[in-house]
Amino acid sequence: VANLEREMIIDSLKNTRGNITGAAKILQTTVRKFAYKAQLHGIDYRTYR
């Protein structure tokens, strides 16, 4: 389950070119929750810009 969540976060960041707000909207969550989950999985949004 954690791997699926990680892949979804990465895919949404790729689709929005690292835009957290856009990625959070794609996954229908808040920016705060999205950023927390990305940090939890060790994902840096700046990598996808």
Protein backbone atom coordinates (compact mmCIF):
# COMPACT_ATOMS: atom_id res chain seq x y z
CA VAL A 1 0.00 0.00 0.00
CA ALA A 2 2.83 2.39 0.86
CA ASN A 3 4.50 1.71 -2.48
CA LEU A 4 1.27 2.50 -4.34
CA GLU A 5 0.88 5.75 -2.40
CA ARG A 6 4.48 6.69 -3.21
CA GLU A 7 3.96 6.01 -6.93
CA MET A 8 0.77 8.08 -6.98
CA ILE A 9 2.57 11.02 -5.37
CA ILE A 10 5.45 10.78 -7.84
CA ASP A 11 3.12 10.48 -10.85
CA SER A 12 1.09 13.51 -9.79
CA LEU A 13 4.28 15.55 -9.29
CA LYS A 14 5.51 14.53 -12.75
CA ASN A 15 2.19 15.54 -14.32
CA THR A 16 2.31 18.97 -12.66
CA ARG A 17 6.08 19.47 -13.08
CA GLY A 18 6.62 19.64 -9.31
CA ASN A 19 3.66 21.86 -8.47
CA ILE A 20 2.42 20.73 -5.04
CA THR A 21 -0.91 22.53 -5.28
CA GLY A 22 -1.72 20.96 -8.63
CA ALA A 23 -0.55 17.53 -7.52
CA ALA A 24 -2.70 17.73 -4.39
CA LYS A 25 -5.74 18.64 -6.51
CA ILE A 26 -5.13 15.65 -8.77
CA LEU A 27 -5.14 13.36 -5.73
CA GLN A 28 -8.07 15.25 -4.17
CA THR A 29 -6.29 16.10 -0.94
CA THR A 30 -5.03 19.21 0.80
CA VAL A 31 -1.61 20.70 0.14
CA ARG A 32 -0.69 20.13 3.77
CA LYS A 33 -1.54 16.42 3.69
CA PHE A 34 0.16 15.99 0.33
CA ALA A 35 3.37 17.65 1.54
CA TYR A 36 3.32 15.53 4.71
CA LYS A 37 2.93 12.29 2.75
CA ALA A 38 5.65 13.29 0.28
CA GLN A 39 8.02 14.03 3.16
CA LEU A 40 7.05 10.76 4.84
CA HIS A 41 8.06 8.84 1.70
CA GLY A 42 11.24 10.88 1.24
CA ILE A 43 10.04 12.57 -1.95
CA ASP A 44 11.40 16.03 -2.78
CA TYR A 45 9.00 17.92 -5.06
CA ARG A 46 11.86 20.07 -6.41
CA THR A 47 13.26 17.01 -8.18
CA TYR A 48 10.28 17.07 -10.57
CA ARG A 49 10.55 20.73 -11.64
